[in-house]
Amino acid sequence: MGIEETYQRRDKELSAIGSDPTGGLTRLLYTDVWKQGQEYVKAEMEAFGMQTRYDEIGNLFGRIEGSELPEETVMSGSHIDTVVNGGHLDGQFGILAAVTAMEYLVATHGQPKRSMEVLSLAEEEGSRFPTVFWGSKNLMGEANNEAVADIADAKGLKFVDEMRRQGFDFKAEQKMREDIKAFVEIHIEQGNVLENQELQIGVVNNIAGQRRYTVILEGQANHAGTTPMGYRRDTVYAFSKICVEGIEKAKAIGDPLVLTFGKVIPKPNTVNVVPGEVEFSIDCRHTDAEALKAFTAELEALMHRIAEEDGLEIDIDLWMDEAPVPMDEGIVSAIEKKAKEGNYKYRLMHSGAGHDSQVIAPHYPSAMIFVPSIGGISHNPAEETNMEDLIEGIKILADTLYELAYV
């Protein structure tokens, strides 16, 4: 079977594990279908000669030993978990693409000079338990076991109990491997830039930094009919000014800055009461750390000014502050070289979404490859990419892995 037929079979079979009656896919960390998914990938890797193993927490590895430099490892993969009722490509494509690309390389070129590994990470999404990047943080020696010791899912099932039920446990010690020389993650874009520009491949050179806030404005709830406009301490009015002014400032700066007010909770949220409190979220992203800090500092000043003008109290909680993560220039150049040689329609671009690569890249040379997303849709049963684009992505991944592991 060729690359396309092999990938299609694997995608169909793995997508059946955790399939939702509504057409989506739900495969959450340490559930039975999650374990079935890992076991499926394990069997596919073993079928063409990979040596497989799990680490203590459930990350899965498939390895082809190198002929000359076995102590140097070139790795590719992604995460096996999904969001609730998600699509069949986010995470899953990166794993199956790595398996398919490495199988093709071994069948075509034989044993690599350096060792190659497929990585099927235990978890990235945070969809079942309030923790994210559990798989990659354990691989990097950064996991905080105490932070998950007492957490539970929506049904009250404890993280630790579910992990041990599947045969896994905490690592005895958090430490990094010394053999990993390169990590390449292929992923759907989850945006519509490539599709709109009619491109096949995105060569990712940076993952945007993120700052997230929870903001609470406090005024005074009062009767909607008897409180004159001039006497109101209306928090929705103040929020609306913050939203409009903030987004106008962001638009004026332009790409790659993005600003989102995603959650708004007015209280008491009643038709005939002036809202005395509003809680809202802010998500701001940029590929440059200083630019991100400068804009959010300006946004914070704007919020304080508007709150003061309207006679309100304000509480601003910056609860996420993730710096941008540049990709390795050498691997980015290798991908771009293969894109030019193969006459791919491509562009250099950043990732606005977070990925496992952002956890791995500060420690090991890493880069990402994007393929288009139809309509930019992801985390949704409608998530889809043209098969031709998926296969072209697998081919350029194989070309890149050849450059890294065989040359």
Protein backbone atom coordinates (compact mmCIF):
# COMPACT_ATOMS: atom_id res chain seq x y z
CA MET A 1 0.00 0.00 0.00
CA GLY A 2 1.14 3.55 -0.72
CA ILE A 3 1.33 6.45 1.69
CA GLU A 4 -2.21 7.65 0.96
CA GLU A 5 -3.88 4.25 1.32
CA THR A 6 -1.92 3.47 4.49
CA TYR A 7 -2.72 6.80 6.10
CA GLN A 8 -6.42 6.62 5.19
CA ARG A 9 -6.72 3.16 6.73
CA ARG A 10 -5.02 4.25 9.92
CA ASP A 11 -7.07 7.42 10.21
CA LYS A 12 -10.33 5.50 9.74
CA GLU A 13 -9.39 2.84 12.28
CA LEU A 14 -8.07 5.21 14.95
CA SER A 15 -11.01 7.58 14.48
CA ALA A 16 -13.37 4.73 15.34
CA ILE A 17 -11.81 4.59 18.82
CA GLY A 18 -13.70 7.19 20.82
CA SER A 19 -16.10 8.10 18.02
CA ASP A 20 -19.12 10.09 19.15
CA PRO A 21 -22.67 9.36 17.91
CA THR A 22 -22.90 12.99 16.74
CA GLY A 23 -19.96 12.45 14.39
CA GLY A 24 -17.14 13.80 16.51
CA LEU A 25 -14.36 12.16 18.48
CA THR A 26 -13.86 12.09 22.26
CA ARG A 27 -10.71 10.46 23.65
CA LEU A 28 -9.86 11.89 27.06
CA LEU A 29 -6.79 11.23 29.18
CA TYR A 30 -6.76 7.89 31.06
CA THR A 31 -10.18 6.76 29.80
CA ASP A 32 -10.55 3.30 28.31
CA VAL A 33 -10.83 4.65 24.76
CA TRP A 34 -7.68 6.72 25.33
CA LYS A 35 -5.81 3.54 26.25
CA GLN A 36 -7.32 1.73 23.26
CA GLY A 37 -6.06 4.53 21.03
CA GLN A 38 -2.53 4.23 22.41
CA GLU A 39 -2.63 0.45 21.98
CA TYR A 40 -3.75 0.86 18.36
CA VAL A 41 -0.80 3.16 17.62
CA LYS A 42 1.52 0.74 19.42
CA ALA A 43 0.35 -2.17 17.25
CA GLU A 44 0.76 -0.14 14.04
CA MET A 45 4.32 0.77 14.98
CA GLU A 46 5.24 -2.79 15.89
CA ALA A 47 3.79 -4.07 12.61
CA PHE A 48 6.69 -2.60 10.62
CA GLY A 49 9.44 -3.32 13.11
CA MET A 50 9.46 -0.50 15.65
CA GLN A 51 10.41 -1.26 19.23
CA THR A 52 7.72 0.24 21.48
CA ARG A 53 7.48 1.26 25.10
CA TYR A 54 5.44 3.43 27.46
CA ASP A 55 6.99 5.75 29.98
CA GLU A 56 5.64 5.86 33.53
CA ILE A 57 2.74 8.24 32.82
CA GLY A 58 1.58 6.81 29.48
CA ASN A 59 3.55 8.56 26.75
CA LEU A 60 4.10 6.01 23.97
CA PHE A 61 7.32 5.69 21.97
CA GLY A 62 8.09 3.68 18.83
CA ARG A 63 11.77 3.42 17.87
CA ILE A 64 13.91 2.42 14.92
CA GLU A 65 17.55 2.13 16.03
CA GLY A 66 20.12 4.08 14.05
CA SER A 67 22.91 2.24 12.23
CA GLU A 68 25.77 4.68 12.85
CA LEU A 69 24.61 7.13 15.53
CA PRO A 70 22.01 5.24 17.57
CA GLU A 71 22.56 7.57 20.52
CA GLU A 72 21.18 10.49 18.47
CA THR A 73 17.38 10.46 18.12
CA VAL A 74 15.17 12.27 15.62
CA MET A 75 11.58 12.38 16.87
CA SER A 76 8.17 13.23 15.47
CA GLY A 77 4.65 12.95 16.85
CA SER A 78 1.85 14.71 18.68
CA HIS A 79 -0.86 14.03 21.30
CA ILE A 80 -3.39 11.17 21.35
CA ASP A 81 -6.09 12.91 23.44
CA THR A 82 -8.90 15.06 21.99
CA VAL A 83 -11.28 17.73 23.14
CA VAL A 84 -14.85 16.64 23.87
CA ASN A 85 -16.62 15.93 20.56
CA GLY A 86 -13.63 17.13 18.56
CA GLY A 87 -12.33 16.34 15.12
CA HIS A 88 -10.15 13.51 13.82
CA LEU A 89 -7.07 15.54 12.90
CA ASP A 90 -5.96 17.63 15.88
CA GLY A 91 -3.14 15.61 17.47
CA GLN A 92 -4.09 12.37 15.76
CA PHE A 93 -2.83 13.50 12.36
CA GLY A 94 0.60 14.31 13.78
CA ILE A 95 0.95 10.82 15.24
CA LEU A 96 -0.29 8.90 12.21
CA ALA A 97 1.71 11.11 9.86
CA ALA A 98 4.88 10.34 11.83
CA VAL A 99 4.17 6.60 11.83
CA THR A 100 3.40 6.61 8.09
CA ALA A 101 6.39 8.79 7.17
CA MET A 102 8.85 6.65 9.14
CA GLU A 103 7.41 3.42 7.75
CA TYR A 104 7.88 4.82 4.24
CA LEU A 105 11.46 5.89 4.97
CA VAL A 106 12.45 2.49 6.35
CA ALA A 107 10.80 0.66 3.45
CA THR A 108 12.46 2.95 0.90
CA HIS A 109 15.86 3.68 2.40
CA GLY A 110 16.38 1.02 5.05
CA GLN A 111 17.79 1.65 8.51
CA PRO A 112 18.46 5.31 9.30
CA LYS A 113 21.86 6.61 10.34
CA ARG A 114 20.33 8.18 13.48
CA SER A 115 17.58 6.59 15.53
CA MET A 116 14.01 7.66 14.74
CA GLU A 117 11.13 7.71 17.19
CA VAL A 118 7.41 8.30 16.94
CA LEU A 119 6.00 10.03 20.01
CA SER A 120 2.33 9.61 20.97
CA LEU A 121 1.94 11.96 23.90
CA ALA A 122 -0.50 11.11 26.65
CA GLU A 123 -2.23 14.48 26.89
CA GLU A 124 -2.16 18.06 25.63
CA GLU A 125 -5.71 19.42 25.60
CA GLY A 126 -6.72 19.63 29.28
CA SER A 127 -10.21 18.44 28.34
CA ARG A 128 -10.80 16.00 31.19
CA PHE A 129 -8.72 17.30 34.09
CA PRO A 130 -7.60 20.87 34.88
CA THR A 131 -4.06 20.32 33.62
CA VAL A 132 -2.46 20.76 30.19
CA PHE A 133 0.63 19.44 28.41
CA TRP A 134 0.84 16.54 30.87
CA GLY A 135 2.59 14.37 28.30
CA SER A 136 5.19 16.83 27.03
CA LYS A 137 5.88 18.31 30.46
CA ASN A 138 6.72 14.84 31.74
CA LEU A 139 8.97 14.26 28.75
CA MET A 140 10.77 17.53 29.53
CA GLY A 141 11.07 16.83 33.26
CA GLU A 142 8.79 19.76 34.06
CA ALA A 143 5.65 18.04 35.38
CA ASN A 144 4.33 19.18 38.76
CA ASN A 145 3.00 16.02 40.41
CA GLU A 146 1.68 17.90 43.44
CA ALA A 147 -0.48 20.09 41.21
CA VAL A 148 -2.44 17.06 39.94
CA ALA A 149 -2.41 14.96 43.10
CA ASP A 150 -5.92 16.00 44.20
CA ILE A 151 -7.62 17.07 40.98
CA ALA A 152 -10.66 15.26 39.55
CA ASP A 153 -12.78 15.30 36.41
CA ALA A 154 -16.39 16.52 36.11
CA LYS A 155 -17.65 13.16 37.40
CA GLY A 156 -15.46 13.33 40.50
CA LEU A 157 -13.01 10.68 39.29
CA LYS A 158 -9.56 11.50 40.59
CA PHE A 159 -6.62 12.00 38.25
CA VAL A 160 -4.32 9.72 40.26
CA ASP A 161 -6.87 6.91 40.50
CA GLU A 162 -7.59 6.98 36.77
CA MET A 163 -3.89 7.08 35.88
CA ARG A 164 -3.20 4.04 38.06
CA ARG A 165 -6.28 2.23 36.76
CA GLN A 166 -4.71 2.30 33.29
CA GLY A 167 -1.44 0.92 34.66
CA PHE A 168 0.54 4.15 34.92
CA ASP A 169 1.92 6.25 37.76
CA PHE A 170 4.00 9.32 38.51
CA LYS A 171 7.61 9.34 37.43
CA ALA A 172 9.98 8.61 40.28
CA GLU A 173 12.03 11.61 39.19
CA GLN A 174 11.63 14.33 36.61
CA LYS A 175 14.57 14.27 34.23
CA MET A 176 15.25 14.87 30.55
CA ARG A 177 16.66 12.56 27.93
CA GLU A 178 20.06 13.42 26.46
CA ASP A 179 19.69 11.68 23.08
CA ILE A 180 16.99 13.79 21.37
CA LYS A 181 18.55 15.87 18.59
CA ALA A 182 15.42 17.01 16.76
CA PHE A 183 11.64 17.07 17.15
CA VAL A 184 9.29 17.81 14.24
CA GLU A 185 5.53 18.09 14.82
CA ILE A 186 3.10 18.21 11.92
CA HIS A 187 -0.36 19.62 12.62
CA ILE A 188 -3.39 21.09 10.94
CA GLU A 189 -3.22 24.89 10.98
CA GLN A 190 -6.49 25.39 12.94
CA GLY A 191 -6.79 28.69 11.09
CA ASN A 192 -7.57 29.75 7.53
CA VAL A 193 -4.39 31.52 6.39
CA LEU A 194 -3.07 28.66 4.24
CA GLU A 195 -6.46 27.95 2.71
CA ASN A 196 -7.14 31.61 1.91
CA GLN A 197 -3.71 31.99 0.31
CA GLU A 198 -4.09 28.67 -1.57
CA LEU A 199 -0.95 27.21 -0.01
CA GLN A 200 -0.11 23.59 0.83
CA ILE A 201 2.40 23.93 3.64
CA GLY A 202 3.11 26.26 6.53
CA VAL A 203 6.67 26.23 7.88
CA VAL A 204 6.26 27.37 11.48
CA ASN A 205 9.05 29.52 12.85
CA ASN A 206 7.45 30.75 16.08
CA ILE A 207 4.65 29.87 18.50
CA ALA A 208 2.92 32.97 19.81
CA GLY A 209 3.13 33.96 23.46
CA GLN A 210 -0.12 34.25 25.40
CA ARG A 211 -1.36 36.43 28.22
CA ARG A 212 -4.76 35.62 29.72
CA TYR A 213 -6.71 37.65 32.25
CA THR A 214 -9.83 37.42 34.36
CA VAL A 215 -11.16 40.91 35.04
CA ILE A 216 -13.95 41.91 37.44
CA LEU A 217 -15.64 45.30 37.32
CA GLU A 218 -17.75 46.24 40.37
CA GLY A 219 -20.32 49.03 40.33
CA GLN A 220 -23.82 49.12 41.74
CA ALA A 221 -26.85 47.05 40.80
CA ASN A 222 -29.98 49.19 40.70
CA HIS A 223 -33.50 49.46 39.31
CA ALA A 224 -33.50 49.83 35.53
CA GLY A 225 -36.56 52.07 35.54
CA THR A 226 -35.88 54.41 38.45
CA THR A 227 -32.12 55.00 38.16
CA PRO A 228 -31.32 57.97 35.87
CA MET A 229 -28.52 57.46 33.38
CA GLY A 230 -26.31 60.03 35.06
CA TYR A 231 -26.44 58.23 38.42
CA ARG A 232 -25.64 54.75 37.19
CA ARG A 233 -22.48 52.74 37.93
CA ASP A 234 -23.11 50.41 35.01
CA THR A 235 -20.44 47.71 34.58
CA VAL A 236 -21.67 46.48 31.19
CA TYR A 237 -21.32 50.00 29.81
CA ALA A 238 -17.74 50.17 31.11
CA PHE A 239 -16.95 46.71 29.75
CA SER A 240 -18.27 47.69 26.33
CA LYS A 241 -15.92 50.70 26.23
CA ILE A 242 -12.97 48.51 27.26
CA CYS A 243 -13.86 45.97 24.58
CA VAL A 244 -14.26 48.53 21.80
CA GLU A 245 -11.19 50.61 22.65
CA GLY A 246 -9.04 47.54 23.23
CA ILE A 247 -9.96 45.86 19.95
CA GLU A 248 -9.55 49.11 18.01
CA LYS A 249 -6.02 49.46 19.42
CA ALA A 250 -5.26 45.84 18.49
CA LYS A 251 -6.55 46.32 14.95
CA ALA A 252 -4.42 49.44 14.57
CA ILE A 253 -1.30 47.45 15.49
CA GLY A 254 -2.30 44.47 13.32
CA ASP A 255 -0.79 41.04 12.82
CA PRO A 256 0.57 39.08 14.57
CA LEU A 257 -1.14 40.69 17.61
CA VAL A 258 -4.56 39.21 18.42
CA LEU A 259 -6.94 40.20 21.24
CA THR A 260 -10.07 38.32 22.33
CA PHE A 261 -12.72 39.03 24.93
CA GLY A 262 -14.09 35.51 25.13
CA LYS A 263 -16.24 35.19 28.26
CA VAL A 264 -18.57 37.81 29.73
CA ILE A 265 -20.68 37.26 32.87
CA PRO A 266 -22.86 40.22 33.88
CA LYS A 267 -24.53 40.15 37.29
CA PRO A 268 -27.32 39.91 38.19
CA ASN A 269 -27.94 39.34 34.46
CA THR A 270 -31.57 40.38 34.67
CA VAL A 271 -33.56 42.44 32.18
CA ASN A 272 -34.70 45.13 34.63
CA VAL A 273 -31.56 45.61 36.75
CA VAL A 274 -28.55 47.79 36.02
CA PRO A 275 -25.63 45.30 36.09
CA GLY A 276 -23.55 45.91 39.20
CA GLU A 277 -20.77 43.47 38.30
CA VAL A 278 -19.19 42.07 35.17
CA GLU A 279 -16.58 39.34 35.00
CA PHE A 280 -14.81 38.92 31.66
CA SER A 281 -11.82 37.18 30.14
CA ILE A 282 -9.04 38.49 27.93
CA ASP A 283 -6.77 36.46 25.67
CA CYS A 284 -3.91 38.34 24.02
CA ARG A 285 -1.19 36.80 21.83
CA HIS A 286 1.90 37.97 19.96
CA THR A 287 5.09 36.39 18.63
CA ASP A 288 7.28 39.06 20.26
CA ALA A 289 7.51 38.98 24.06
CA GLU A 290 8.24 42.68 24.51
CA ALA A 291 5.47 43.71 22.14
CA LEU A 292 3.03 41.47 24.01
CA LYS A 293 4.01 42.97 27.37
CA ALA A 294 3.85 46.52 26.02
CA PHE A 295 0.38 46.10 24.53
CA THR A 296 -1.08 44.39 27.59
CA ALA A 297 0.41 47.09 29.85
CA GLU A 298 -1.39 49.66 27.70
CA LEU A 299 -4.58 47.58 27.89
CA GLU A 300 -4.36 47.40 31.69
CA ALA A 301 -3.94 51.19 31.88
CA LEU A 302 -6.96 51.63 29.61
CA MET A 303 -9.09 49.44 31.88
CA HIS A 304 -8.02 51.30 35.01
CA ARG A 305 -8.81 54.65 33.34
CA ILE A 306 -12.29 53.60 32.22
CA ALA A 307 -13.09 52.08 35.62
CA GLU A 308 -12.06 55.30 37.36
CA GLU A 309 -14.02 57.49 34.93
CA ASP A 310 -17.16 55.42 35.56
CA GLY A 311 -16.74 55.21 39.34
CA LEU A 312 -16.08 51.45 39.38
CA GLU A 313 -13.75 49.14 41.23
CA ILE A 314 -11.63 46.84 39.09
CA ASP A 315 -9.68 43.65 39.77
CA ILE A 316 -7.30 42.41 37.06
CA ASP A 317 -5.91 38.89 37.41
CA LEU A 318 -3.15 37.91 34.95
CA TRP A 319 -3.33 34.13 35.36
CA MET A 320 -1.43 33.00 32.25
CA ASP A 321 1.79 34.54 31.00
CA GLU A 322 3.45 32.32 28.40
CA ALA A 323 6.35 33.73 26.40
CA PRO A 324 6.59 33.21 22.63
CA VAL A 325 8.62 30.14 21.63
CA PRO A 326 10.85 30.39 18.54
CA MET A 327 11.42 27.26 16.52
CA ASP A 328 14.93 25.96 15.76
CA GLU A 329 16.41 27.83 12.79
CA GLY A 330 18.25 24.76 11.52
CA ILE A 331 15.15 22.57 11.37
CA VAL A 332 13.05 25.41 9.95
CA SER A 333 15.67 25.78 7.21
CA ALA A 334 15.62 22.04 6.55
CA ILE A 335 11.83 22.06 6.12
CA GLU A 336 11.97 25.13 3.90
CA LYS A 337 14.72 23.52 1.81
CA LYS A 338 12.54 20.47 1.21
CA ALA A 339 9.55 22.67 0.42
CA LYS A 340 11.56 24.46 -2.27
CA GLU A 341 13.01 21.24 -3.69
CA GLY A 342 9.55 19.67 -3.87
CA ASN A 343 7.96 22.78 -5.43
CA TYR A 344 5.46 22.99 -2.60
CA LYS A 345 3.34 26.11 -2.28
CA TYR A 346 4.38 27.19 1.19
CA ARG A 347 5.01 30.12 3.48
CA LEU A 348 6.88 30.82 6.71
CA MET A 349 4.36 31.57 9.47
CA HIS A 350 3.78 31.59 13.21
CA SER A 351 1.34 29.50 15.20
CA GLY A 352 -1.30 31.40 17.12
CA ALA A 353 -2.38 28.23 18.92
CA GLY A 354 -0.41 26.38 21.57
CA HIS A 355 1.18 23.01 20.80
CA ASP A 356 3.40 20.43 22.46
CA SER A 357 6.29 21.88 20.48
CA GLN A 358 6.21 24.99 22.66
CA VAL A 359 7.05 22.84 25.68
CA ILE A 360 9.69 20.80 23.84
CA ALA A 361 11.42 23.58 21.85
CA PRO A 362 13.14 25.31 24.79
CA HIS A 363 14.99 22.04 25.47
CA TYR A 364 15.46 20.28 22.11
CA PRO A 365 15.73 21.64 18.54
CA SER A 366 12.12 21.67 17.32
CA ALA A 367 9.94 22.91 14.50
CA MET A 368 6.43 22.49 13.13
CA ILE A 369 4.78 21.89 9.78
CA PHE A 370 1.21 23.05 9.12
CA VAL A 371 -1.26 21.78 6.55
CA PRO A 372 -4.43 23.78 5.68
CA SER A 373 -7.66 23.55 7.65
CA ILE A 374 -10.86 23.81 5.65
CA GLY A 375 -12.62 26.95 6.85
CA GLY A 376 -10.09 27.21 9.66
CA ILE A 377 -12.33 24.89 11.70
CA SER A 378 -10.87 22.81 14.55
CA HIS A 379 -11.97 21.32 17.89
CA ASN A 380 -15.18 20.48 16.07
CA PRO A 381 -16.59 17.39 14.27
CA ALA A 382 -16.47 19.49 11.08
CA GLU A 383 -12.66 19.74 11.36
CA GLU A 384 -11.27 18.64 7.99
CA THR A 385 -8.38 18.97 5.55
CA ASN A 386 -8.31 17.87 1.93
CA MET A 387 -6.71 14.44 1.64
CA GLU A 388 -4.27 15.77 -0.96
CA ASP A 389 -3.01 18.34 1.54
CA LEU A 390 -2.67 15.73 4.29
CA ILE A 391 -0.62 13.48 2.04
CA GLU A 392 1.59 16.35 0.87
CA GLY A 393 2.18 17.13 4.52
CA ILE A 394 3.24 13.54 5.23
CA LYS A 395 5.58 13.63 2.25
CA ILE A 396 7.35 16.81 3.34
CA LEU A 397 7.57 15.41 6.88
CA ALA A 398 9.23 12.29 5.44
CA ASP A 399 11.58 14.45 3.39
CA THR A 400 12.53 16.44 6.49
CA LEU A 401 13.05 13.34 8.63
CA TYR A 402 15.25 11.91 5.88
CA GLU A 403 17.39 15.04 5.98
CA LEU A 404 17.66 14.82 9.77
CA ALA A 405 18.05 11.07 10.30
CA TYR A 406 19.62 9.65 7.11
CA VAL A 407 22.02 12.31 5.84
